[in-house]
Protein backbone atom coordinates (compact mmCIF):
# COMPACT_ATOMS: atom_id res chain seq x y z
CA UNK A 1 65.74 116.51 110.60
CA UNK A 2 65.01 112.75 110.93
CA UNK A 3 61.94 111.09 109.15
CA UNK A 4 59.29 109.61 111.41
CA UNK A 5 60.29 106.28 112.90
CA UNK A 6 57.90 103.33 113.04
CA UNK A 7 56.63 103.12 116.60
CA UNK A 8 57.74 106.53 117.42
CA UNK A 9 54.48 108.81 118.38
CA UNK A 10 53.89 111.82 116.40
CA UNK A 11 52.99 113.55 119.74
CA UNK A 12 56.60 113.64 120.71
CA UNK A 13 58.10 114.34 117.37
CA UNK A 14 56.01 117.38 116.82
CA UNK A 15 56.43 118.75 119.97
CA UNK A 16 60.32 118.20 119.98
CA UNK A 17 60.20 119.95 116.67
CA UNK A 18 57.72 122.77 117.26
CA UNK A 19 56.44 122.33 113.72
CA UNK A 20 53.85 124.59 112.20
CA UNK A 21 51.96 124.77 109.32
CA UNK A 22 51.97 127.98 107.33
CA UNK A 23 50.68 128.32 103.55
CA UNK A 24 51.54 124.49 102.92
CA UNK A 25 55.23 124.86 104.03
CA UNK A 26 56.29 122.92 107.05
CA UNK A 27 58.90 124.38 109.19
CA UNK A 28 60.91 122.88 112.09
CA UNK A 29 61.99 126.32 113.37
CA UNK A 30 65.15 126.53 111.45
CA UNK A 31 63.69 127.76 108.28
CA UNK A 32 63.58 124.30 106.60
CA UNK A 33 60.63 123.75 104.15
CA UNK A 34 59.42 120.66 102.51
CA UNK A 35 62.52 119.79 100.62
CA UNK A 36 64.23 119.25 103.89
CA UNK A 37 61.57 117.13 105.60
CA UNK A 38 63.25 113.70 105.03
CA UNK A 39 60.05 112.70 103.18
CA UNK A 40 59.67 109.81 101.11
CA UNK A 41 57.60 111.23 97.85
CA UNK A 42 55.79 114.49 97.57
CA UNK A 43 52.59 114.25 95.47
CA UNK A 44 50.22 117.03 94.18
CA UNK A 45 46.55 117.00 93.91
CA UNK A 46 44.17 119.44 92.31
CA UNK A 47 40.75 118.72 91.79
CA UNK A 48 40.18 121.60 89.54
CA UNK A 49 43.16 121.51 87.05
CA UNK A 50 44.34 117.80 87.93
CA UNK A 51 44.19 114.79 85.93
CA UNK A 52 45.06 111.44 87.31
CA UNK A 53 47.16 110.61 83.96
CA UNK A 54 49.63 113.39 85.16
CA UNK A 55 52.89 112.64 86.73
CA UNK A 56 51.57 114.12 90.00
CA UNK A 57 55.04 114.94 91.10
CA UNK A 58 55.27 118.49 90.52
CA UNK A 59 52.84 121.30 91.16
CA UNK A 60 52.08 121.95 87.39
CA UNK A 61 51.19 118.22 86.88
CA UNK A 62 48.86 117.48 89.80
CA UNK A 63 46.60 114.46 90.03
CA UNK A 64 42.81 114.92 90.30
CA UNK A 65 42.02 112.96 93.48
CA UNK A 66 43.59 112.04 96.93
CA UNK A 67 42.34 108.60 96.34
CA UNK A 68 44.72 108.18 93.47
CA UNK A 69 47.30 109.87 95.21
CA UNK A 70 47.01 107.47 98.12
CA UNK A 71 47.50 104.31 95.93
CA UNK A 72 51.00 105.64 95.06
CA UNK A 73 51.88 106.01 98.60
CA UNK A 74 53.86 103.38 100.50
CA UNK A 75 53.55 102.35 104.32
CA UNK A 76 55.88 104.04 106.59
CA UNK A 77 57.57 106.04 103.60
CA UNK A 78 56.56 109.31 105.09
CA UNK A 79 54.87 110.31 101.81
CA UNK A 80 53.23 113.85 101.60
CA UNK A 81 50.10 114.51 99.66
CA UNK A 82 49.86 118.38 98.87
CA UNK A 83 46.32 119.42 97.94
CA UNK A 84 46.50 122.59 96.09
CA UNK A 85 42.91 123.54 95.54
CA UNK A 86 39.30 122.77 95.94
CA UNK A 87 38.28 119.24 94.17
CA UNK A 88 35.61 116.76 93.76
CA UNK A 89 35.71 113.12 94.30
CA UNK A 90 33.75 110.48 96.00
CA UNK A 91 33.76 110.16 99.75
CA UNK A 92 34.68 108.65 102.09
CA UNK A 93 38.43 108.57 101.63
CA UNK A 94 40.15 105.50 103.42
CA UNK A 95 43.41 106.87 104.62
CA UNK A 96 45.03 103.48 104.63
CA UNK A 97 48.72 104.19 104.37
CA UNK A 98 50.82 104.42 107.55
CA UNK A 99 53.03 107.58 107.95
CA UNK A 100 51.27 109.50 105.16
CA UNK A 101 50.46 113.41 105.53
CA UNK A 102 47.73 114.78 103.61
CA UNK A 103 48.27 118.76 103.80
CA UNK A 104 46.10 121.22 102.11
CA UNK A 105 47.85 124.21 100.53
CA UNK A 106 45.05 126.82 99.98
CA UNK A 107 44.96 129.08 97.17
CA UNK A 108 46.76 132.34 97.50
CA UNK A 109 43.56 134.24 95.94
CA UNK A 110 41.47 133.49 99.18
CA UNK A 111 41.28 135.60 102.49
CA UNK A 112 44.68 135.38 104.24
CA UNK A 113 42.96 134.69 107.89
CA UNK A 114 42.50 131.00 107.68
CA UNK A 115 42.78 129.80 103.90
CA UNK A 116 41.58 126.27 103.51
CA UNK A 117 40.76 123.75 100.87
CA UNK A 118 36.92 122.59 101.57
CA UNK A 119 35.77 119.04 101.48
CA UNK A 120 32.15 118.65 101.26
CA UNK A 121 30.42 115.30 101.39
CA UNK A 122 27.47 115.07 98.68
CA UNK A 123 25.79 112.52 100.92
CA UNK A 124 25.45 111.15 104.56
CA UNK A 125 29.08 110.19 104.92
CA UNK A 126 32.47 111.13 106.51
CA UNK A 127 35.29 112.96 104.43
CA UNK A 128 38.23 110.93 105.82
CA UNK A 129 38.33 107.56 107.42
CA UNK A 130 41.26 106.79 109.35
CA UNK A 131 42.60 103.29 108.72
CA UNK A 132 46.32 103.51 109.41
CA UNK A 133 48.66 104.75 111.94
CA UNK A 134 50.77 107.95 111.84
CA UNK A 135 48.39 109.78 109.72
CA UNK A 136 48.82 113.59 109.59
CA UNK A 137 45.93 115.64 108.22
CA UNK A 138 45.86 119.75 108.23
CA UNK A 139 44.60 122.62 106.29
CA UNK A 140 41.06 121.45 105.44
CA UNK A 141 37.38 122.84 105.95
CA UNK A 142 35.12 119.75 106.44
CA UNK A 143 31.54 119.49 105.70
CA UNK A 144 30.06 115.97 106.58
CA UNK A 145 26.95 114.01 106.26
CA UNK A 146 23.91 114.53 108.67
CA UNK A 147 25.03 111.40 110.87
CA UNK A 148 28.70 111.59 110.56
CA UNK A 149 31.89 113.58 111.50
CA UNK A 150 34.23 115.06 109.07
CA UNK A 151 37.02 112.62 110.19
CA UNK A 152 36.17 109.28 111.61
CA UNK A 153 38.07 105.69 112.27
CA UNK A 154 37.38 102.43 110.84
CA UNK A 155 40.15 100.72 112.79
CA UNK A 156 42.00 101.02 115.96
CA UNK A 157 44.92 103.37 114.50
CA UNK A 158 46.70 106.25 116.06
CA UNK A 159 49.97 108.03 116.63
CA UNK A 160 48.81 110.92 114.21
CA UNK A 161 47.98 114.54 114.20
CA UNK A 162 44.97 116.27 113.05
CA UNK A 163 45.65 120.13 113.04
CA UNK A 164 44.64 123.51 111.47
CA UNK A 165 41.38 122.30 110.28
CA UNK A 166 37.80 123.44 110.65
CA UNK A 167 34.61 121.72 111.09
CA UNK A 168 31.09 123.20 110.91
CA UNK A 169 32.69 126.61 110.78
CA UNK A 170 31.35 127.24 107.18
CA UNK A 171 29.57 123.81 106.47
CA UNK A 172 27.74 121.37 108.36
CA UNK A 173 27.96 117.90 110.04
CA UNK A 174 27.02 115.89 112.83
CA UNK A 175 30.34 116.07 114.69
CA UNK A 176 33.49 117.53 113.81
CA UNK A 177 36.20 114.47 114.76
CA UNK A 178 34.38 111.30 115.60
CA UNK A 179 35.93 107.99 117.06
CA UNK A 180 33.26 105.48 116.68
CA UNK A 181 32.25 102.63 119.13
CA UNK A 182 34.70 99.82 119.01
CA UNK A 183 37.86 101.69 117.97
CA UNK A 184 40.90 103.37 119.74
CA UNK A 185 42.60 106.49 118.32
CA UNK A 186 45.86 105.73 120.26
CA UNK A 187 48.02 108.64 120.93
CA UNK A 188 46.27 111.06 118.54
CA UNK A 189 46.98 114.65 118.62
CA UNK A 190 44.10 117.12 117.92
CA UNK A 191 45.29 120.82 117.94
CA UNK A 192 44.82 124.18 116.50
CA UNK A 193 41.35 123.37 115.04
CA UNK A 194 38.08 125.39 114.88
CA UNK A 195 34.68 123.67 115.62
CA UNK A 196 31.58 125.76 114.84
CA UNK A 197 27.70 126.17 114.98
CA UNK A 198 27.23 124.15 111.91
CA UNK A 199 28.06 120.90 113.85
CA UNK A 200 24.61 119.45 115.10
CA UNK A 201 26.04 117.48 117.84
CA UNK A 202 29.55 117.30 119.33
CA UNK A 203 32.99 118.99 118.24
CA UNK A 204 35.09 115.95 119.08
CA UNK A 205 33.27 112.80 120.12
CA UNK A 206 35.13 110.08 121.44
CA UNK A 207 32.63 107.25 121.56
CA UNK A 208 34.98 104.75 122.52
CA UNK A 209 38.60 105.40 123.48
CA UNK A 210 41.51 107.93 122.84
CA UNK A 211 44.43 106.16 124.88
CA UNK A 212 47.03 108.81 125.86
CA UNK A 213 45.42 111.23 123.62
CA UNK A 214 46.10 114.88 123.45
CA UNK A 215 43.35 117.79 122.77
CA UNK A 216 44.83 121.02 123.13
CA UNK A 217 44.58 124.77 121.65
CA UNK A 218 41.33 124.21 119.85
CA UNK A 219 38.50 126.81 119.54
CA UNK A 220 34.62 125.71 119.98
CA UNK A 221 32.27 128.14 118.73
CA UNK A 222 28.44 127.60 119.81
CA UNK A 223 28.71 123.75 119.33
CA UNK A 224 25.27 122.48 119.94
CA UNK A 225 26.13 119.47 122.09
CA UNK A 226 29.19 119.18 124.33
CA UNK A 227 31.91 120.50 122.49
CA UNK A 228 34.34 117.70 123.68
CA UNK A 229 32.44 114.60 124.64
CA UNK A 230 34.46 111.52 125.97
CA UNK A 231 33.32 108.06 126.52
CA UNK A 232 36.73 106.63 127.33
CA UNK A 233 40.04 108.01 127.62
CA UNK A 234 43.11 106.63 129.60
CA UNK A 235 46.00 108.78 130.71
CA UNK A 236 45.07 111.61 128.21
CA UNK A 237 45.44 115.35 128.23
CA UNK A 238 42.85 118.03 127.48
CA UNK A 239 44.27 121.66 127.73
CA UNK A 240 44.18 125.15 126.62
CA UNK A 241 40.96 124.80 124.72
CA UNK A 242 38.74 128.07 124.35
CA UNK A 243 35.10 127.45 124.44
CA UNK A 244 32.25 129.97 123.34
CA UNK A 245 29.16 128.16 124.33
CA UNK A 246 25.61 128.56 123.08
CA UNK A 247 24.18 128.77 126.68
CA UNK A 248 25.18 128.55 130.41
CA UNK A 249 25.05 124.56 129.98
CA UNK A 250 26.38 122.13 132.42
CA UNK A 251 29.07 119.89 130.79
CA UNK A 252 28.65 122.17 127.51
CA UNK A 253 32.58 122.27 127.10
CA UNK A 254 33.72 118.94 128.29
CA UNK A 255 31.80 116.04 129.26
CA UNK A 256 33.63 112.87 130.39
CA UNK A 257 32.04 109.57 130.97
CA UNK A 258 32.75 107.74 134.27
CA UNK A 259 34.85 105.26 132.42
CA UNK A 260 37.67 107.87 131.74
CA UNK A 261 40.65 107.19 133.70
CA UNK A 262 44.06 109.23 134.53
CA UNK A 263 42.69 112.38 132.44
CA UNK A 264 44.33 115.73 132.99
CA UNK A 265 42.07 118.68 132.32
CA UNK A 266 43.78 122.01 132.54
CA UNK A 267 43.96 125.56 131.58
CA UNK A 268 40.68 125.49 129.38
CA UNK A 269 38.52 128.49 129.17
CA UNK A 270 34.71 128.74 128.77
CA UNK A 271 31.83 131.22 128.47
CA UNK A 272 28.69 131.79 126.68
CA UNK A 273 28.84 135.38 125.73
CA UNK A 274 28.42 137.31 129.24
CA UNK A 275 31.16 138.82 131.45
CA UNK A 276 30.48 136.86 134.64
CA UNK A 277 31.41 133.39 135.44
CA UNK A 278 28.95 130.73 134.46
CA UNK A 279 26.51 129.54 136.99
CA UNK A 280 26.77 125.99 135.90
CA UNK A 281 30.16 123.98 135.55
CA UNK A 282 30.99 123.71 131.73
CA UNK A 283 33.39 120.49 132.34
CA UNK A 284 31.89 117.50 134.14
CA UNK A 285 32.26 113.90 134.61
CA UNK A 286 28.79 112.02 134.19
CA UNK A 287 27.62 108.98 136.01
CA UNK A 288 30.07 109.36 138.98
CA UNK A 289 33.73 110.22 139.27
CA UNK A 290 36.13 109.06 136.78
CA UNK A 291 39.28 107.21 138.00
CA UNK A 292 42.10 109.73 138.60
CA UNK A 293 40.54 112.60 136.35
CA UNK A 294 42.30 115.82 137.49
CA UNK A 295 40.82 119.47 136.78
CA UNK A 296 43.25 122.17 137.07
CA UNK A 297 43.12 125.87 136.52
CA UNK A 298 40.01 125.86 134.28
CA UNK A 299 38.32 129.09 133.68
CA UNK A 300 35.00 130.82 132.96
CA UNK A 301 35.08 134.51 131.99
CA UNK A 302 38.75 134.60 133.06
CA UNK A 303 38.02 133.43 136.65
CA UNK A 304 39.44 130.18 137.92
CA UNK A 305 36.28 128.45 139.00
CA UNK A 306 36.98 124.70 138.60
CA UNK A 307 38.26 123.52 140.81
CA UNK A 308 36.96 126.17 143.01
C-alpha cells in the first residue's frame, strides 16, 4: 500500500482502498494492519498512564498528551498518533502537521458497541483546530464549549477525513464540526459520525466553504438546529445521511444557503418519529435557488418525497 502523496486527495485514497477503522487497526480489505500502512512514525498517547518523558513509540511507553506527540510529527511523513485511553490536557489542540493521523484506540474494557476516547473541554473552547492539510481524525467522543464545535478550522486547509467520531452524543457543545467564516475545508470528507441532542445548534456547520467536500453516512439524532447547515459549498456531495429530527421542521435535516453551487444532495433519509412522511420538507435552499443544486432520491419515512 502506498503512503499518502502530497496533493492527492484523501477522498480518492480512502474510497479506492475501502479502508475502515476497527479497534484501532486500519485495514485496506486485505487484512493489513498498522505495520503495513506505509506510515512514517507511529506514536502512542495515554493521558492516564503516559509520561512525556517516555519513548512514545511503543504502547507500554506512551506519551501523556497529543500536543507533545504533534511536536514529534513531521509534515507529510504520514505519522500516526494512537490515543490509547482517556487523557487530560489543555485545549484547543492545533493539528498543525500535514498528513498526520490522530486515531483513538478505545479501551477494551468499555462497551463494544461504539468504544471511543472522550475529549472534554474544561472551558469555552474547541478540542481540535485544523491547521494543516491531509489530517485524519477518528474514534473520539467530543465535548466542546458553549460557543464552539468539537472540531474547527483556523486556516483554509483540507484533503482530510473525519470519521467514526461522536459529537453531542454523550457530551455537549454548540456545533459538532464547524468551519468558521473566512476558511475553506477543501475536499474534506466527514463520514460515519454520530451527532446528538447534546449539541445546541448544528451538527455540521459550514459557515464559510467546503469546496468539493463530501458529507456521507452520518447519523443525526435530535440535533437542535439544522443538522447540516451550509453557507457555501462548491461541487460538493451530501449523501446517505440519516436524520432523526426533534420536530417536523423545514430544513431541519439540511439547510443550504443560496450561495451554494453544484451540490448534489442524494439518498438522505429523515423523520421526526412518526411513520408518515413529513409535512415540511427537511432539506431546503434558503434565500432563493442555489446554482446547480440537485436533490435526488431523498426520503422521509421511507417515501421518496423530494423531489416529488
